[in-house]
Amino acid sequence: MGYRPEPKDTSKVELPEELLALTEQIAENVHDVWAQGRIREGWTYGEVKDEKKKTTPCLVPYGELSESEKEYDRNTALQTLKLIVSLGYRIEKA
């Protein structure tokens, strides 16, 4: 395999509390965007993930996901916020 992921190192980025509070809202939105795309592709809810039948147990509201699934979305949200800040951008509430 030739692909070697090299995400930006954001380990030293400390987010202010107001941005940390956004993490859960962004995580929920990330899940909703993912779910909307899956539904558009013909996927439906199913007890187990089945690529052929296009079923997945993750087609539920964010609040009903397992903690491990939520953590995946939270990490995506957190790392995105950290990347934005590390690139020199400021996020301000209007």
C-alpha atoms as a PDB file:
ATOM      1  CA  MET A   1       0.000   0.000   0.000  1.00  0.00           C
ATOM      2  CA  GLY A   2       1.536   3.292  -1.076  1.00  0.00           C
ATOM      3  CA  TYR A   3      -0.772   5.658   0.779  1.00  0.00           C
ATOM      4  CA  ARG A   4       0.555   6.926   4.103  1.00  0.00           C
ATOM      5  CA  PRO A   5      -1.808   9.348   5.848  1.00  0.00           C
ATOM      6  CA  GLU A   6      -0.012  12.366   7.270  1.00  0.00           C
ATOM      7  CA  PRO A   7      -2.535  14.565   9.063  1.00  0.00           C
ATOM      8  CA  LYS A   8      -1.294  17.873  10.417  1.00  0.00           C
ATOM      9  CA  ASP A   9      -0.005  17.634  13.975  1.00  0.00           C
ATOM     10  CA  THR A  10      -2.529  19.478  16.115  1.00  0.00           C
ATOM     11  CA  SER A  11      -1.480  17.918  19.417  1.00  0.00           C
ATOM     12  CA  LYS A  12      -0.169  21.216  20.778  1.00  0.00           C
ATOM     13  CA  VAL A  13      -3.266  23.219  19.838  1.00  0.00           C
ATOM     14  CA  GLU A  14      -5.365  24.146  22.843  1.00  0.00           C
ATOM     15  CA  LEU A  15      -8.863  25.269  22.049  1.00  0.00           C
ATOM     16  CA  PRO A  16     -10.683  27.810  24.186  1.00  0.00           C
ATOM     17  CA  GLU A  17     -13.740  26.542  26.070  1.00  0.00           C
ATOM     18  CA  GLU A  18     -16.194  28.185  23.679  1.00  0.00           C
ATOM     19  CA  LEU A  19     -14.719  26.210  20.762  1.00  0.00           C
ATOM     20  CA  LEU A  20     -14.584  22.978  22.734  1.00  0.00           C
ATOM     21  CA  ALA A  21     -18.296  23.424  23.346  1.00  0.00           C
ATOM     22  CA  LEU A  22     -18.838  23.354  19.573  1.00  0.00           C
ATOM     23  CA  THR A  23     -17.350  19.876  19.270  1.00  0.00           C
ATOM     24  CA  GLU A  24     -20.560  18.018  20.120  1.00  0.00           C
ATOM     25  CA  GLN A  25     -22.698  20.165  17.805  1.00  0.00           C
ATOM     26  CA  ILE A  26     -20.259  19.659  14.938  1.00  0.00           C
ATOM     27  CA  ALA A  27     -20.056  15.922  15.677  1.00  0.00           C
ATOM     28  CA  GLU A  28     -23.843  15.637  15.480  1.00  0.00           C
ATOM     29  CA  ASN A  29     -23.875  17.550  12.207  1.00  0.00           C
ATOM     30  CA  VAL A  30     -21.078  15.361  10.799  1.00  0.00           C
ATOM     31  CA  HIS A  31     -23.203  12.309  11.582  1.00  0.00           C
ATOM     32  CA  ASP A  32     -26.312  13.860  10.014  1.00  0.00           C
ATOM     33  CA  VAL A  33     -24.409  14.753   6.823  1.00  0.00           C
ATOM     34  CA  TRP A  34     -23.011  11.208   6.657  1.00  0.00           C
ATOM     35  CA  ALA A  35     -26.473   9.673   7.269  1.00  0.00           C
ATOM     36  CA  GLN A  36     -28.119  11.899   4.683  1.00  0.00           C
ATOM     37  CA  GLY A  37     -25.539  10.788   2.111  1.00  0.00           C
ATOM     38  CA  ARG A  38     -26.037   7.114   2.964  1.00  0.00           C
ATOM     39  CA  ILE A  39     -29.813   7.413   2.690  1.00  0.00           C
ATOM     40  CA  ARG A  40     -29.420   9.161  -0.664  1.00  0.00           C
ATOM     41  CA  GLU A  41     -27.283   6.187  -1.792  1.00  0.00           C
ATOM     42  CA  GLY A  42     -30.063   3.772  -0.845  1.00  0.00           C
ATOM     43  CA  TRP A  43     -28.825   2.617   2.561  1.00  0.00           C
ATOM     44  CA  THR A  44     -31.307   1.758   5.313  1.00  0.00           C
ATOM     45  CA  TYR A  45     -31.173   0.866   8.974  1.00  0.00           C
ATOM     46  CA  GLY A  46     -30.246  -2.734   9.760  1.00  0.00           C
ATOM     47  CA  GLU A  47     -29.065  -4.623  12.836  1.00  0.00           C
ATOM     48  CA  VAL A  48     -25.710  -5.313  11.149  1.00  0.00           C
ATOM     49  CA  LYS A  49     -23.726  -3.573   8.450  1.00  0.00           C
ATOM     50  CA  ASP A  50     -24.174  -5.325   5.131  1.00  0.00           C
ATOM     51  CA  GLU A  51     -22.557  -3.773   2.067  1.00  0.00           C
ATOM     52  CA  LYS A  52     -24.636  -5.833  -0.373  1.00  0.00           C
ATOM     53  CA  LYS A  53     -27.978  -5.105   1.286  1.00  0.00           C
ATOM     54  CA  LYS A  54     -26.879  -1.543   2.092  1.00  0.00           C
ATOM     55  CA  THR A  55     -27.877  -1.761   5.746  1.00  0.00           C
ATOM     56  CA  THR A  56     -26.127  -0.244   8.740  1.00  0.00           C
ATOM     57  CA  PRO A  57     -26.946   0.058  12.438  1.00  0.00           C
ATOM     58  CA  CYS A  58     -25.595   3.624  12.385  1.00  0.00           C
ATOM     59  CA  LEU A  59     -28.596   5.088  10.559  1.00  0.00           C
ATOM     60  CA  VAL A  60     -30.077   6.389  13.796  1.00  0.00           C
ATOM     61  CA  PRO A  61     -30.129   9.854  15.383  1.00  0.00           C
ATOM     62  CA  TYR A  62     -26.769  10.895  16.825  1.00  0.00           C
ATOM     63  CA  GLY A  63     -28.045  10.560  20.390  1.00  0.00           C
ATOM     64  CA  GLU A  64     -28.768   6.874  19.809  1.00  0.00           C
ATOM     65  CA  LEU A  65     -25.276   5.997  18.542  1.00  0.00           C
ATOM     66  CA  SER A  66     -22.908   3.961  20.672  1.00  0.00           C
ATOM     67  CA  GLU A  67     -20.273   5.974  22.510  1.00  0.00           C
ATOM     68  CA  SER A  68     -17.571   4.572  20.214  1.00  0.00           C
ATOM     69  CA  GLU A  69     -19.445   5.835  17.143  1.00  0.00           C
ATOM     70  CA  LYS A  70     -20.005   9.225  18.776  1.00  0.00           C
ATOM     71  CA  GLU A  71     -16.305   9.372  19.653  1.00  0.00           C
ATOM     72  CA  TYR A  72     -15.393   8.907  15.986  1.00  0.00           C
ATOM     73  CA  ASP A  73     -17.525  11.930  15.047  1.00  0.00           C
ATOM     74  CA  ARG A  74     -16.267  13.948  18.024  1.00  0.00           C
ATOM     75  CA  ASN A  75     -12.670  13.309  17.026  1.00  0.00           C
ATOM     76  CA  THR A  76     -13.401  14.456  13.470  1.00  0.00           C
ATOM     77  CA  ALA A  77     -14.986  17.638  14.818  1.00  0.00           C
ATOM     78  CA  LEU A  78     -12.216  18.301  17.339  1.00  0.00           C
ATOM     79  CA  GLN A  79      -9.405  17.724  14.850  1.00  0.00           C
ATOM     80  CA  THR A  80     -11.116  19.978  12.308  1.00  0.00           C
ATOM     81  CA  LEU A  81     -11.396  22.801  14.845  1.00  0.00           C
ATOM     82  CA  LYS A  82      -7.769  22.326  15.888  1.00  0.00           C
ATOM     83  CA  LEU A  83      -6.609  22.378  12.264  1.00  0.00           C
ATOM     84  CA  ILE A  84      -8.499  25.603  11.563  1.00  0.00           C
ATOM     85  CA  VAL A  85      -6.892  27.267  14.605  1.00  0.00           C
ATOM     86  CA  SER A  86      -3.419  25.883  13.794  1.00  0.00           C
ATOM     87  CA  LEU A  87      -3.663  27.427  10.322  1.00  0.00           C
ATOM     88  CA  GLY A  88      -4.098  30.840  11.912  1.00  0.00           C
ATOM     89  CA  TYR A  89      -7.838  31.288  11.573  1.00  0.00           C
ATOM     90  CA  ARG A  90     -10.022  32.672  14.328  1.00  0.00           C
ATOM     91  CA  ILE A  91     -13.513  31.449  14.962  1.00  0.00           C
ATOM     92  CA  GLU A  92     -15.776  34.063  16.496  1.00  0.00           C
ATOM     93  CA  LYS A  93     -19.432  33.969  17.334  1.00  0.00           C
ATOM     94  CA  ALA A  94     -21.317  36.801  15.686  1.00  0.00           C
END
